PDB file of all heavy atoms in Angstrom:
ATOM      1  N   ALA A   1       0.791  -1.230   0.004  1.00  0.00           N
ATOM      2  CA  ALA A   1       0.006   0.002   0.003  1.00  0.00           C
ATOM      3  C   ALA A   1       0.844   1.253   0.002  1.00  0.00           C
ATOM      4  O   ALA A   1       0.329   2.370  -0.186  1.00  0.00           O
ATOM      5  CB  ALA A   1      -0.931   0.003   1.208  1.00  0.00           C
ATOM      6  N   GLY A   2       2.142   1.115   0.238  1.00  0.00           N
ATOM      7  CA  GLY A   2       3.026   2.259   0.263  1.00  0.00           C
ATOM      8  C   GLY A   2       3.027   3.018   1.591  1.00  0.00           C
ATOM      9  O   GLY A   2       3.518   4.142   1.651  1.00  0.00           O
ATOM     10  N   SER A   3       2.460   2.398   2.632  1.00  0.00           N
ATOM     11  CA  SER A   3       2.380   3.077   3.936  1.00  0.00           C
ATOM     12  C   SER A   3       3.264   2.411   4.963  1.00  0.00           C
ATOM     13  O   SER A   3       3.084   2.636   6.162  1.00  0.00           O
ATOM     14  CB  SER A   3       0.921   3.117   4.389  1.00  0.00           C
ATOM     15  OG  SER A   3       0.395   1.807   4.509  1.00  0.00           O
ATOM     16  N   LEU A   4       4.175   1.569   4.528  1.00  0.00           N
ATOM     17  CA  LEU A   4       5.038   0.881   5.467  1.00  0.00           C
ATOM     18  C   LEU A   4       6.088   1.833   6.068  1.00  0.00           C
ATOM     19  O   LEU A   4       6.748   2.581   5.355  1.00  0.00           O
ATOM     20  CB  LEU A   4       5.778  -0.275   4.798  1.00  0.00           C
ATOM     21  CG  LEU A   4       6.773  -1.063   5.692  1.00  0.00           C
ATOM     22  CD1 LEU A   4       6.019  -1.789   6.775  1.00  0.00           C
ATOM     23  CD2 LEU A   4       7.567  -2.001   4.853  1.00  0.00           C
ATOM     24  N   SER A   5       6.211   1.793   7.363  1.00  0.00           N
ATOM     25  CA  SER A   5       7.207   2.571   8.052  1.00  0.00           C
ATOM     26  C   SER A   5       8.128   1.590   8.774  1.00  0.00           C
ATOM     27  O   SER A   5       7.674   0.921   9.728  1.00  0.00           O
ATOM     28  CB  SER A   5       6.572   3.514   9.052  1.00  0.00           C
ATOM     29  OG  SER A   5       7.500   3.982   9.993  1.00  0.00           O
ATOM     30  N   TRP A   6       9.378   1.479   8.345  1.00  0.00           N
ATOM     31  CA  TRP A   6      10.271   0.561   9.013  1.00  0.00           C
ATOM     32  C   TRP A   6      10.538   0.994  10.482  1.00  0.00           C
ATOM     33  O   TRP A   6      10.732   0.149  11.346  1.00  0.00           O
ATOM     34  CB  TRP A   6      11.607   0.437   8.228  1.00  0.00           C
ATOM     35  CG  TRP A   6      11.416  -0.459   7.053  1.00  0.00           C
ATOM     36  CD1 TRP A   6      11.368  -0.086   5.738  1.00  0.00           C
ATOM     37  CD2 TRP A   6      11.240  -1.868   7.092  1.00  0.00           C
ATOM     38  NE1 TRP A   6      11.155  -1.195   4.961  1.00  0.00           N
ATOM     39  CE2 TRP A   6      11.057  -2.302   5.765  1.00  0.00           C
ATOM     40  CE3 TRP A   6      11.171  -2.838   8.114  1.00  0.00           C
ATOM     41  CZ2 TRP A   6      10.837  -3.641   5.429  1.00  0.00           C
ATOM     42  CZ3 TRP A   6      10.974  -4.156   7.775  1.00  0.00           C
ATOM     43  CH2 TRP A   6      10.813  -4.540   6.451  1.00  0.00           C
ATOM     44  N   THR A   7      10.521   2.254  10.721  1.00  0.00           N
ATOM     45  CA  THR A   7      10.636   2.753  12.091  1.00  0.00           C
ATOM     46  C   THR A   7       9.467   2.253  12.914  1.00  0.00           C
ATOM     47  O   THR A   7       9.618   1.771  14.056  1.00  0.00           O
ATOM     48  CB  THR A   7      10.682   4.293  12.128  1.00  0.00           C
ATOM     49  OG1 THR A   7      11.745   4.734  11.293  1.00  0.00           O
ATOM     50  CG2 THR A   7      10.878   4.809  13.523  1.00  0.00           C
ATOM     51  N   GLY A   8       8.279   2.291  12.312  1.00  0.00           N
ATOM     52  CA  GLY A   8       7.076   1.799  12.996  1.00  0.00           C
ATOM     53  C   GLY A   8       7.170   0.307  13.263  1.00  0.00           C
ATOM     54  O   GLY A   8       6.779  -0.180  14.322  1.00  0.00           O
ATOM     55  N   VAL A   9       7.667  -0.452  12.293  1.00  0.00           N
ATOM     56  CA  VAL A   9       7.824  -1.895  12.458  1.00  0.00           C
ATOM     57  C   VAL A   9       8.787  -2.222  13.581  1.00  0.00           C
ATOM     58  O   VAL A   9       8.534  -3.030  14.457  1.00  0.00           O
ATOM     59  CB  VAL A   9       8.271  -2.577  11.150  1.00  0.00           C
ATOM     60  CG1 VAL A   9       8.659  -4.038  11.366  1.00  0.00           C
ATOM     61  CG2 VAL A   9       7.198  -2.481  10.068  1.00  0.00           C
ATOM     62  N   ILE A  10       9.916  -1.538  13.599  1.00  0.00           N
ATOM     63  CA  ILE A  10      10.951  -1.741  14.627  1.00  0.00           C
ATOM     64  C   ILE A  10      10.410  -1.413  16.017  1.00  0.00           C
ATOM     65  O   ILE A  10      10.520  -2.188  16.953  1.00  0.00           O
ATOM     66  CB  ILE A  10      12.234  -0.949  14.317  1.00  0.00           C
ATOM     67  CG1 ILE A  10      12.922  -1.560  13.091  1.00  0.00           C
ATOM     68  CG2 ILE A  10      13.187  -0.925  15.517  1.00  0.00           C
ATOM     69  CD1 ILE A  10      14.016  -0.692  12.475  1.00  0.00           C
ATOM     70  N   PHE A  11       9.746  -0.244  16.108  1.00  0.00           N
ATOM     71  CA  PHE A  11       9.168   0.117  17.421  1.00  0.00           C
ATOM     72  C   PHE A  11       8.031  -0.789  17.811  1.00  0.00           C
ATOM     73  O   PHE A  11       7.847  -1.077  19.015  1.00  0.00           O
ATOM     74  CB  PHE A  11       8.733   1.593  17.417  1.00  0.00           C
ATOM     75  CG  PHE A  11       9.853   2.546  17.673  1.00  0.00           C
ATOM     76  CD1 PHE A  11      10.300   3.391  16.649  1.00  0.00           C
ATOM     77  CD2 PHE A  11      10.502   2.619  18.896  1.00  0.00           C
ATOM     78  CE1 PHE A  11      11.346   4.281  16.868  1.00  0.00           C
ATOM     79  CE2 PHE A  11      11.550   3.492  19.122  1.00  0.00           C
ATOM     80  CZ  PHE A  11      11.979   4.316  18.103  1.00  0.00           C
ATOM     81  N   GLY A  12       7.282  -1.281  16.843  1.00  0.00           N
ATOM     82  CA  GLY A  12       6.195  -2.254  17.134  1.00  0.00           C
ATOM     83  C   GLY A  12       6.732  -3.543  17.685  1.00  0.00           C
ATOM     84  O   GLY A  12       6.228  -4.102  18.647  1.00  0.00           O
ATOM     85  N   VAL A  13       7.848  -4.048  17.078  1.00  0.00           N
ATOM     86  CA  VAL A  13       8.468  -5.287  17.574  1.00  0.00           C
ATOM     87  C   VAL A  13       9.042  -5.069  18.959  1.00  0.00           C
ATOM     88  O   VAL A  13       8.917  -5.876  19.858  1.00  0.00           O
ATOM     89  CB  VAL A  13       9.512  -5.790  16.570  1.00  0.00           C
ATOM     90  CG1 VAL A  13      10.359  -6.913  17.151  1.00  0.00           C
ATOM     91  CG2 VAL A  13       8.848  -6.264  15.285  1.00  0.00           C
ATOM     92  N   LEU A  14       9.734  -3.883  19.152  1.00  0.00           N
ATOM     93  CA  LEU A  14      10.281  -3.564  20.472  1.00  0.00           C
ATOM     94  C   LEU A  14       9.184  -3.439  21.526  1.00  0.00           C
ATOM     95  O   LEU A  14       9.351  -3.895  22.672  1.00  0.00           O
ATOM     96  CB  LEU A  14      11.125  -2.302  20.410  1.00  0.00           C
ATOM     97  CG  LEU A  14      12.452  -2.428  19.687  1.00  0.00           C
ATOM     98  CD1 LEU A  14      13.142  -1.077  19.562  1.00  0.00           C
ATOM     99  CD2 LEU A  14      13.372  -3.417  20.396  1.00  0.00           C
ATOM    100  N   ALA A  15       8.050  -2.851  21.173  1.00  0.00           N
ATOM    101  CA  ALA A  15       6.929  -2.725  22.081  1.00  0.00           C
ATOM    102  C   ALA A  15       6.402  -4.094  22.483  1.00  0.00           C
ATOM    103  O   ALA A  15       6.126  -4.349  23.647  1.00  0.00           O
ATOM    104  CB  ALA A  15       5.816  -1.883  21.491  1.00  0.00           C
ATOM    105  N   SER A  16       6.280  -5.001  21.504  1.00  0.00           N
ATOM    106  CA  SER A  16       5.840  -6.355  21.781  1.00  0.00           C
ATOM    107  C   SER A  16       6.808  -7.075  22.713  1.00  0.00           C
ATOM    108  O   SER A  16       6.390  -7.807  23.640  1.00  0.00           O
ATOM    109  CB  SER A  16       5.686  -7.152  20.503  1.00  0.00           C
ATOM    110  OG  SER A  16       4.657  -6.620  19.711  1.00  0.00           O
ATOM    111  N   LEU A  17       8.105  -6.847  22.483  1.00  0.00           N
ATOM    112  CA  LEU A  17       9.107  -7.448  23.367  1.00  0.00           C
ATOM    113  C   LEU A  17       8.971  -6.921  24.796  1.00  0.00           C
ATOM    114  O   LEU A  17       9.028  -7.709  25.756  1.00  0.00           O
ATOM    115  CB  LEU A  17      10.518  -7.141  22.810  1.00  0.00           C
ATOM    116  CG  LEU A  17      11.690  -7.657  23.623  1.00  0.00           C
ATOM    117  CD1 LEU A  17      11.740  -9.162  23.651  1.00  0.00           C
ATOM    118  CD2 LEU A  17      12.997  -7.068  23.099  1.00  0.00           C
ATOM    119  N   CYS A  18       8.771  -5.634  24.936  1.00  0.00           N
ATOM    120  CA  CYS A  18       8.603  -5.042  26.257  1.00  0.00           C
ATOM    121  C   CYS A  18       7.349  -5.550  26.963  1.00  0.00           C
ATOM    122  O   CYS A  18       7.379  -5.826  28.175  1.00  0.00           O
ATOM    123  CB  CYS A  18       8.582  -3.524  26.171  1.00  0.00           C
ATOM    124  SG  CYS A  18      10.165  -2.811  25.749  1.00  0.00           S
ATOM    125  N   VAL A  19       6.257  -5.697  26.224  1.00  0.00           N
ATOM    126  CA  VAL A  19       5.031  -6.223  26.812  1.00  0.00           C
ATOM    127  C   VAL A  19       5.256  -7.654  27.308  1.00  0.00           C
ATOM    128  O   VAL A  19       4.822  -8.053  28.373  1.00  0.00           O
ATOM    129  CB  VAL A  19       3.850  -6.141  25.818  1.00  0.00           C
ATOM    130  CG1 VAL A  19       2.649  -6.961  26.272  1.00  0.00           C
ATOM    131  CG2 VAL A  19       3.452  -4.679  25.583  1.00  0.00           C
ATOM    132  N   SER A  20       5.945  -8.457  26.469  1.00  0.00           N
ATOM    133  CA  SER A  20       6.231  -9.845  26.835  1.00  0.00           C
ATOM    134  C   SER A  20       7.116  -9.918  28.081  1.00  0.00           C
ATOM    135  O   SER A  20       6.850 -10.688  29.009  1.00  0.00           O
ATOM    136  CB  SER A  20       6.933 -10.573  25.693  1.00  0.00           C
ATOM    137  OG  SER A  20       6.111 -10.633  24.572  1.00  0.00           O
ATOM    138  N   LEU A  21       8.161  -9.098  28.107  1.00  0.00           N
ATOM    139  CA  LEU A  21       9.032  -9.074  29.290  1.00  0.00           C
ATOM    140  C   LEU A  21       8.316  -8.619  30.517  1.00  0.00           C
ATOM    141  O   LEU A  21       8.509  -9.152  31.611  1.00  0.00           O
ATOM    142  CB  LEU A  21      10.257  -8.210  29.028  1.00  0.00           C
ATOM    143  CG  LEU A  21      11.271  -8.784  28.041  1.00  0.00           C
ATOM    144  CD1 LEU A  21      12.344  -7.740  27.720  1.00  0.00           C
ATOM    145  CD2 LEU A  21      11.908 -10.022  28.579  1.00  0.00           C
ATOM    146  N   ASN A  22       7.419  -7.632  30.375  1.00  0.00           N
ATOM    147  CA  ASN A  22       6.631  -7.156  31.512  1.00  0.00           C
ATOM    148  C   ASN A  22       5.787  -8.285  32.081  1.00  0.00           C
ATOM    149  O   ASN A  22       5.717  -8.471  33.294  1.00  0.00           O
ATOM    150  CB  ASN A  22       5.743  -5.984  31.099  1.00  0.00           C
ATOM    151  CG  ASN A  22       4.884  -5.495  32.229  1.00  0.00           C
ATOM    152  OD1 ASN A  22       5.383  -5.120  33.284  1.00  0.00           O
ATOM    153  ND2 ASN A  22       3.573  -5.539  32.064  1.00  0.00           N
ATOM    154  N   ALA A  23       5.148  -9.065  31.191  1.00  0.00           N
ATOM    155  CA  ALA A  23       4.303 -10.178  31.669  1.00  0.00           C
ATOM    156  C   ALA A  23       5.154 -11.250  32.364  1.00  0.00           C
ATOM    157  O   ALA A  23       4.767 -11.776  33.419  1.00  0.00           O
ATOM    158  CB  ALA A  23       3.538 -10.776  30.500  1.00  0.00           C
ATOM    159  N   ILE A  24       6.311 -11.535  31.821  1.00  0.00           N
ATOM    160  CA  ILE A  24       7.192 -12.551  32.413  1.00  0.00           C
ATOM    161  C   ILE A  24       7.689 -12.107  33.810  1.00  0.00           C
ATOM    162  O   ILE A  24       7.618 -12.860  34.776  1.00  0.00           O
ATOM    163  CB  ILE A  24       8.414 -12.820  31.487  1.00  0.00           C
ATOM    164  CG1 ILE A  24       7.903 -13.564  30.240  1.00  0.00           C
ATOM    165  CG2 ILE A  24       9.481 -13.640  32.219  1.00  0.00           C
ATOM    166  CD1 ILE A  24       8.936 -13.622  29.106  1.00  0.00           C
ATOM    167  N   TYR A  25       8.100 -10.845  33.906  1.00  0.00           N
ATOM    168  CA  TYR A  25       8.589 -10.345  35.202  1.00  0.00           C
ATOM    169  C   TYR A  25       7.468 -10.156  36.194  1.00  0.00           C
ATOM    170  O   TYR A  25       7.678 -10.288  37.409  1.00  0.00           O
ATOM    171  CB  TYR A  25       9.427  -9.082  34.992  1.00  0.00           C
ATOM    172  CG  TYR A  25      10.799  -9.398  34.487  1.00  0.00           C
ATOM    173  CD1 TYR A  25      11.201  -9.023  33.220  1.00  0.00           C
ATOM    174  CD2 TYR A  25      11.716 -10.112  35.237  1.00  0.00           C
ATOM    175  CE1 TYR A  25      12.432  -9.375  32.702  1.00  0.00           C
ATOM    176  CE2 TYR A  25      12.943 -10.455  34.765  1.00  0.00           C
ATOM    177  CZ  TYR A  25      13.315 -10.069  33.501  1.00  0.00           C
ATOM    178  OH  TYR A  25      14.552 -10.398  33.020  1.00  0.00           O
TER     179      TYR A  25
END
């Protein structure tokens, strides 16, 4: 669609990682 933001993808993956770590801890 031409609306991909690699910065958004990276921050989205990092956010998911932080949510997962929060749940584990």
